[in-house]
C-alpha cells in the first residue's frame, strides 16, 4: 500500500493537479481522496481505473507492479 500512496502523490504532482481537482474528477470529497494518499483508505476498483486515466499512468504502475 505504501508504494501506491507514494506513486499516487508523485503522479498527481507531476501533472500539476491538486487533491481537490482529483477528488472533483472522481466525484468524491477531498478528505476521501486524501485518505488514498495517506494510506488510510483504498479506492474502489472503479476509482482506481479513473485515477490512472486522469494521471495518464497504468494501474500496474500505481500498484507497484511496473516501474513505468
PDB file of N, CA and C in Angstrom:
ATOM      1  N   UNK A   1       0.826  -1.199   0.000  1.00  0.00           N
ATOM      2  CA  UNK A   1       0.000   0.000   0.000  1.00  0.00           C
ATOM      3  C   UNK A   1       0.865   1.254   0.000  1.00  0.00           C
ATOM      4  N   UNK A   2       2.033   1.191   0.621  1.00  0.00           N
ATOM      5  CA  UNK A   2       2.892   2.364   0.704  1.00  0.00           C
ATOM      6  C   UNK A   2       3.337   2.836  -0.675  1.00  0.00           C
ATOM      7  N   UNK A   3       3.682   1.897  -1.555  1.00  0.00           N
ATOM      8  CA  UNK A   3       4.117   2.291  -2.893  1.00  0.00           C
ATOM      9  C   UNK A   3       2.963   2.947  -3.655  1.00  0.00           C
ATOM     10  N   UNK A   4       1.741   2.458  -3.449  1.00  0.00           N
ATOM     11  CA  UNK A   4       0.581   3.081  -4.093  1.00  0.00           C
ATOM     12  C   UNK A   4       0.446   4.530  -3.644  1.00  0.00           C
ATOM     13  N   UNK A   5       0.513   4.774  -2.363  1.00  0.00           N
ATOM     14  CA  UNK A   5       0.369   6.134  -1.828  1.00  0.00           C
ATOM     15  C   UNK A   5       1.445   7.051  -2.397  1.00  0.00           C
ATOM     16  N   UNK A   6       2.667   6.562  -2.413  1.00  0.00           N
ATOM     17  CA  UNK A   6       3.788   7.350  -2.912  1.00  0.00           C
ATOM     18  C   UNK A   6       3.615   7.671  -4.395  1.00  0.00           C
ATOM     19  N   UNK A   7       3.295   6.662  -5.188  1.00  0.00           N
ATOM     20  CA  UNK A   7       3.149   6.879  -6.629  1.00  0.00           C
ATOM     21  C   UNK A   7       1.923   7.726  -6.952  1.00  0.00           C
ATOM     22  N   UNK A   8       0.887   7.587  -6.173  1.00  0.00           N
ATOM     23  CA  UNK A   8      -0.311   8.391  -6.374  1.00  0.00           C
ATOM     24  C   UNK A   8       0.018   9.873  -6.203  1.00  0.00           C
ATOM     25  N   UNK A   9       0.683  10.199  -5.113  1.00  0.00           N
ATOM     26  CA  UNK A   9       1.024  11.594  -4.848  1.00  0.00           C
ATOM     27  C   UNK A   9       2.015  12.116  -5.883  1.00  0.00           C
ATOM     28  N   UNK A  10       3.066  11.360  -6.171  1.00  0.00           N
ATOM     29  CA  UNK A  10       4.068  11.797  -7.145  1.00  0.00           C
ATOM     30  C   UNK A  10       3.444  12.016  -8.524  1.00  0.00           C
ATOM     31  N   UNK A  11       2.554  11.117  -8.927  1.00  0.00           N
ATOM     32  CA  UNK A  11       1.909  11.243 -10.237  1.00  0.00           C
ATOM     33  C   UNK A  11       1.004  12.462 -10.279  1.00  0.00           C
ATOM     34  N   UNK A  12       0.284  12.695  -9.199  1.00  0.00           N
ATOM     35  CA  UNK A  12      -0.599  13.866  -9.133  1.00  0.00           C
ATOM     36  C   UNK A  12       0.211  15.149  -9.244  1.00  0.00           C
ATOM     37  N   UNK A  13       1.310  15.217  -8.508  1.00  0.00           N
ATOM     38  CA  UNK A  13       2.149  16.410  -8.547  1.00  0.00           C
ATOM     39  C   UNK A  13       2.797  16.592  -9.913  1.00  0.00           C
ATOM     40  N   UNK A  14       3.166  15.495 -10.558  1.00  0.00           N
ATOM     41  CA  UNK A  14       3.844  15.599 -11.857  1.00  0.00           C
ATOM     42  C   UNK A  14       2.926  16.153 -12.945  1.00  0.00           C
ATOM     43  N   UNK A  15       1.616  15.973 -12.786  1.00  0.00           N
ATOM     44  CA  UNK A  15       0.681  16.545 -13.768  1.00  0.00           C
ATOM     45  C   UNK A  15       0.125  17.891 -13.290  1.00  0.00           C
ATOM     46  N   UNK A  16       0.568  18.343 -12.126  1.00  0.00           N
ATOM     47  CA  UNK A  16       0.183  19.659 -11.627  1.00  0.00           C
ATOM     48  C   UNK A  16      -1.248  19.769 -11.151  1.00  0.00           C
ATOM     49  N   UNK A  17      -1.786  18.680 -10.629  1.00  0.00           N
ATOM     50  CA  UNK A  17      -3.161  18.711 -10.129  1.00  0.00           C
ATOM     51  C   UNK A  17      -3.170  18.759  -8.610  1.00  0.00           C
ATOM     52  N   UNK A  18      -4.204  19.393  -8.082  1.00  0.00           N
ATOM     53  CA  UNK A  18      -4.382  19.429  -6.633  1.00  0.00           C
ATOM     54  C   UNK A  18      -5.209  18.224  -6.184  1.00  0.00           C
ATOM     55  N   UNK A  19      -5.176  17.982  -4.893  1.00  0.00           N
ATOM     56  CA  UNK A  19      -6.012  16.917  -4.347  1.00  0.00           C
ATOM     57  C   UNK A  19      -7.484  17.212  -4.615  1.00  0.00           C
ATOM     58  N   UNK A  20      -7.868  18.464  -4.515  1.00  0.00           N
ATOM     59  CA  UNK A  20      -9.254  18.867  -4.770  1.00  0.00           C
ATOM     60  C   UNK A  20      -9.651  18.555  -6.214  1.00  0.00           C
ATOM     61  N   UNK A  21      -8.782  18.835  -7.169  1.00  0.00           N
ATOM     62  CA  UNK A  21      -9.086  18.584  -8.576  1.00  0.00           C
ATOM     63  C   UNK A  21      -9.299  17.096  -8.841  1.00  0.00           C
ATOM     64  N   UNK A  22      -8.452  16.268  -8.256  1.00  0.00           N
ATOM     65  CA  UNK A  22      -8.610  14.821  -8.434  1.00  0.00           C
ATOM     66  C   UNK A  22      -9.913  14.365  -7.787  1.00  0.00           C
ATOM     67  N   UNK A  23     -10.157  14.828  -6.572  1.00  0.00           N
ATOM     68  CA  UNK A  23     -11.385  14.456  -5.869  1.00  0.00           C
ATOM     69  C   UNK A  23     -12.613  14.851  -6.679  1.00  0.00           C
ATOM     70  N   UNK A  24     -12.599  16.058  -7.223  1.00  0.00           N
ATOM     71  CA  UNK A  24     -13.728  16.516  -8.034  1.00  0.00           C
ATOM     72  C   UNK A  24     -13.914  15.635  -9.268  1.00  0.00           C
ATOM     73  N   UNK A  25     -12.817  15.272  -9.909  1.00  0.00           N
ATOM     74  CA  UNK A  25     -12.891  14.413 -11.100  1.00  0.00           C
ATOM     75  C   UNK A  25     -13.451  13.032 -10.764  1.00  0.00           C
ATOM     76  N   UNK A  26     -13.223  12.588  -9.527  1.00  0.00           N
ATOM     77  CA  UNK A  26     -13.716  11.276  -9.079  1.00  0.00           C
ATOM     78  C   UNK A  26     -15.105  11.371  -8.453  1.00  0.00           C
ATOM     79  N   UNK A  27     -15.605  12.581  -8.277  1.00  0.00           N
ATOM     80  CA  UNK A  27     -16.889  12.830  -7.597  1.00  0.00           C
ATOM     81  C   UNK A  27     -16.884  12.294  -6.167  1.00  0.00           C
ATOM     82  N   UNK A  28     -15.752  12.556  -5.478  1.00  0.00           N
ATOM     83  CA  UNK A  28     -15.631  12.202  -4.066  1.00  0.00           C
ATOM     84  C   UNK A  28     -15.179  13.456  -3.323  1.00  0.00           C
ATOM     85  N   UNK A  29     -15.224  13.417  -2.000  1.00  0.00           N
ATOM     86  CA  UNK A  29     -14.774  14.559  -1.211  1.00  0.00           C
ATOM     87  C   UNK A  29     -13.245  14.612  -1.182  1.00  0.00           C
ATOM     88  N   UNK A  30     -12.721  15.802  -0.943  1.00  0.00           N
ATOM     89  CA  UNK A  30     -11.271  15.930  -0.841  1.00  0.00           C
ATOM     90  C   UNK A  30     -10.722  15.091   0.313  1.00  0.00           C
ATOM     91  N   UNK A  31     -11.360  15.087   1.496  1.00  0.00           N
ATOM     92  CA  UNK A  31     -10.852  14.228   2.570  1.00  0.00           C
ATOM     93  C   UNK A  31     -10.801  12.737   2.174  1.00  0.00           C
ATOM     94  N   UNK A  32     -11.768  12.294   1.374  1.00  0.00           N
ATOM     95  CA  UNK A  32     -11.738  10.892   0.915  1.00  0.00           C
ATOM     96  C   UNK A  32     -10.517  10.645   0.055  1.00  0.00           C
ATOM     97  N   UNK A  33     -10.209  11.582  -0.841  1.00  0.00           N
ATOM     98  CA  UNK A  33      -9.023  11.423  -1.684  1.00  0.00           C
ATOM     99  C   UNK A  33      -7.750  11.480  -0.852  1.00  0.00           C
ATOM    100  N   UNK A  34      -7.699  12.382   0.117  1.00  0.00           N
ATOM    101  CA  UNK A  34      -6.519  12.500   0.983  1.00  0.00           C
ATOM    102  C   UNK A  34      -6.235  11.169   1.669  1.00  0.00           C
ATOM    103  N   UNK A  35      -7.285  10.460   2.046  1.00  0.00           N
ATOM    104  CA  UNK A  35      -7.102   9.145   2.692  1.00  0.00           C
ATOM    105  C   UNK A  35      -6.441   8.144   1.738  1.00  0.00           C
ATOM    106  N   UNK A  36      -6.666   8.275   0.435  1.00  0.00           N
ATOM    107  CA  UNK A  36      -5.958   7.421  -0.528  1.00  0.00           C
ATOM    108  C   UNK A  36      -4.462   7.710  -0.479  1.00  0.00           C
ATOM    109  N   UNK A  37      -4.112   8.986  -0.447  1.00  0.00           N
ATOM    110  CA  UNK A  37      -2.693   9.368  -0.454  1.00  0.00           C
ATOM    111  C   UNK A  37      -1.987   9.049   0.854  1.00  0.00           C
ATOM    112  N   UNK A  38      -2.713   9.056   1.959  1.00  0.00           N
ATOM    113  CA  UNK A  38      -2.032   8.755   3.229  1.00  0.00           C
ATOM    114  C   UNK A  38      -2.184   7.291   3.647  1.00  0.00           C
ATOM    115  N   UNK A  39      -2.882   6.513   2.852  1.00  0.00           N
ATOM    116  CA  UNK A  39      -2.939   5.073   3.089  1.00  0.00           C
ATOM    117  C   UNK A  39      -3.990   4.615   4.081  1.00  0.00           C
ATOM    118  N   UNK A  40      -4.858   5.508   4.519  1.00  0.00           N
ATOM    119  CA  UNK A  40      -5.865   5.075   5.481  1.00  0.00           C
ATOM    120  C   UNK A  40      -7.132   4.540   4.809  1.00  0.00           C
ATOM    121  N   UNK A  41      -7.184   4.640   3.478  1.00  0.00           N
ATOM    122  CA  UNK A  41      -8.316   4.115   2.717  1.00  0.00           C
ATOM    123  C   UNK A  41      -7.826   3.710   1.331  1.00  0.00           C
ATOM    124  N   UNK A  42      -8.542   2.787   0.719  1.00  0.00           N
ATOM    125  CA  UNK A  42      -8.202   2.331  -0.628  1.00  0.00           C
ATOM    126  C   UNK A  42      -9.336   2.693  -1.582  1.00  0.00           C
ATOM    127  N   UNK A  43      -8.972   3.099  -2.805  1.00  0.00           N
ATOM    128  CA  UNK A  43     -10.030   3.418  -3.772  1.00  0.00           C
ATOM    129  C   UNK A  43     -10.737   2.159  -4.252  1.00  0.00           C
ATOM    130  N   UNK A  44     -11.960   2.338  -4.685  1.00  0.00           N
ATOM    131  CA  UNK A  44     -12.661   1.225  -5.327  1.00  0.00           C
ATOM    132  C   UNK A  44     -11.940   0.905  -6.629  1.00  0.00           C
ATOM    133  N   UNK A  45     -12.211  -0.242  -7.186  1.00  0.00           N
ATOM    134  CA  UNK A  45     -11.610  -0.604  -8.466  1.00  0.00           C
ATOM    135  C   UNK A  45     -11.977   0.426  -9.528  1.00  0.00           C
ATOM    136  N   UNK A  46     -13.219   0.854  -9.534  1.00  0.00           N
ATOM    137  CA  UNK A  46     -13.667   1.861 -10.499  1.00  0.00           C
ATOM    138  C   UNK A  46     -12.866   3.155 -10.350  1.00  0.00           C
ATOM    139  N   UNK A  47     -12.686   3.622  -9.119  1.00  0.00           N
ATOM    140  CA  UNK A  47     -11.929   4.854  -8.902  1.00  0.00           C
ATOM    141  C   UNK A  47     -10.447   4.671  -9.184  1.00  0.00           C
ATOM    142  N   UNK A  48      -9.918   3.493  -8.939  1.00  0.00           N
ATOM    143  CA  UNK A  48      -8.517   3.218  -9.254  1.00  0.00           C
ATOM    144  C   UNK A  48      -8.272   3.380 -10.753  1.00  0.00           C
ATOM    145  N   UNK A  49      -9.154   2.849 -11.551  1.00  0.00           N
ATOM    146  CA  UNK A  49      -9.039   2.971 -13.006  1.00  0.00           C
ATOM    147  C   UNK A  49      -9.184   4.431 -13.428  1.00  0.00           C
ATOM    148  N   UNK A  50     -10.130   5.140 -12.832  1.00  0.00           N
ATOM    149  CA  UNK A  50     -10.317   6.557 -13.147  1.00  0.00           C
ATOM    150  C   UNK A  50      -9.070   7.361 -12.790  1.00  0.00           C
ATOM    151  N   UNK A  51      -8.491   7.077 -11.633  1.00  0.00           N
ATOM    152  CA  UNK A  51      -7.273   7.778 -11.203  1.00  0.00           C
ATOM    153  C   UNK A  51      -6.149   7.555 -12.215  1.00  0.00           C
ATOM    154  N   UNK A  52      -5.969   6.317 -12.626  1.00  0.00           N
ATOM    155  CA  UNK A  52      -4.925   6.003 -13.605  1.00  0.00           C
ATOM    156  C   UNK A  52      -5.159   6.770 -14.906  1.00  0.00           C
ATOM    157  N   UNK A  53      -6.397   6.846 -15.339  1.00  0.00           N
ATOM    158  CA  UNK A  53      -6.725   7.589 -16.562  1.00  0.00           C
ATOM    159  C   UNK A  53      -6.460   9.086 -16.389  1.00  0.00           C
ATOM    160  N   UNK A  54      -6.879   9.636 -15.273  1.00  0.00           N
ATOM    161  CA  UNK A  54      -6.687  11.069 -15.010  1.00  0.00           C
ATOM    162  C   UNK A  54      -5.205  11.416 -14.987  1.00  0.00           C
ATOM    163  N   UNK A  55      -4.412  10.556 -14.362  1.00  0.00           N
ATOM    164  CA  UNK A  55      -2.980  10.825 -14.211  1.00  0.00           C
ATOM    165  C   UNK A  55      -2.150  10.310 -15.382  1.00  0.00           C
ATOM    166  N   UNK A  56      -2.803   9.654 -16.333  1.00  0.00           N
ATOM    167  CA  UNK A  56      -2.145   9.110 -17.522  1.00  0.00           C
ATOM    168  C   UNK A  56      -1.021   8.141 -17.163  1.00  0.00           C
ATOM    169  N   UNK A  57      -1.333   7.257 -16.230  1.00  0.00           N
ATOM    170  CA  UNK A  57      -0.418   6.176 -15.851  1.00  0.00           C
ATOM    171  C   UNK A  57      -1.221   4.880 -15.844  1.00  0.00           C
ATOM    172  N   UNK A  58      -0.533   3.761 -15.747  1.00  0.00           N
ATOM    173  CA  UNK A  58      -1.243   2.487 -15.700  1.00  0.00           C
ATOM    174  C   UNK A  58      -1.587   2.134 -14.252  1.00  0.00           C
ATOM    175  N   UNK A  59      -2.589   1.323 -14.100  1.00  0.00           N
ATOM    176  CA  UNK A  59      -2.934   0.799 -12.777  1.00  0.00           C
ATOM    177  C   UNK A  59      -1.754  -0.007 -12.232  1.00  0.00           C
ATOM    178  N   UNK A  60      -1.092  -0.758 -13.106  1.00  0.00           N
ATOM    179  CA  UNK A  60       0.080  -1.530 -12.681  1.00  0.00           C
ATOM    180  C   UNK A  60       1.169  -0.629 -12.106  1.00  0.00           C
ATOM    181  N   UNK A  61       1.371   0.531 -12.714  1.00  0.00           N
ATOM    182  CA  UNK A  61       2.356   1.477 -12.186  1.00  0.00           C
ATOM    183  C   UNK A  61       1.946   1.940 -10.793  1.00  0.00           C
ATOM    184  N   UNK A  62       0.701   2.361 -10.640  1.00  0.00           N
ATOM    185  CA  UNK A  62       0.235   2.837  -9.348  1.00  0.00           C
ATOM    186  C   UNK A  62       0.366   1.782  -8.259  1.00  0.00           C
ATOM    187  N   UNK A  63       0.134   0.539  -8.636  1.00  0.00           N
ATOM    188  CA  UNK A  63       0.184  -0.551  -7.654  1.00  0.00           C
ATOM    189  C   UNK A  63       1.584  -1.101  -7.436  1.00  0.00           C
ATOM    190  N   UNK A  64       2.565  -0.578  -8.175  1.00  0.00           N
ATOM    191  CA  UNK A  64       3.940  -1.016  -7.986  1.00  0.00           C
ATOM    192  C   UNK A  64       4.307  -2.269  -8.736  1.00  0.00           C
ATOM    193  N   UNK A  65       3.459  -2.672  -9.682  1.00  0.00           N
ATOM    194  CA  UNK A  65       3.739  -3.885 -10.449  1.00  0.00           C
ATOM    195  C   UNK A  65       4.684  -3.613 -11.619  1.00  0.00           C
ATOM    196  N   UNK A  66       4.753  -2.342 -12.050  1.00  0.00           N
ATOM    197  CA  UNK A  66       5.642  -1.919 -13.130  1.00  0.00           C
ATOM    198  C   UNK A  66       6.230  -0.574 -12.762  1.00  0.00           C
ATOM    199  N   UNK A  67       7.410  -0.302 -13.300  1.00  0.00           N
ATOM    200  CA  UNK A  67       8.095   0.954 -12.971  1.00  0.00           C
ATOM    201  C   UNK A  67       7.907   2.024 -14.037  1.00  0.00           C
ATOM    202  N   UNK A  68       6.943   1.873 -14.900  1.00  0.00           N
ATOM    203  CA  UNK A  68       6.700   2.880 -15.946  1.00  0.00           C
ATOM    204  C   UNK A  68       5.230   3.054 -16.179  1.00  0.00           C
TER     205      UNK A  68
END
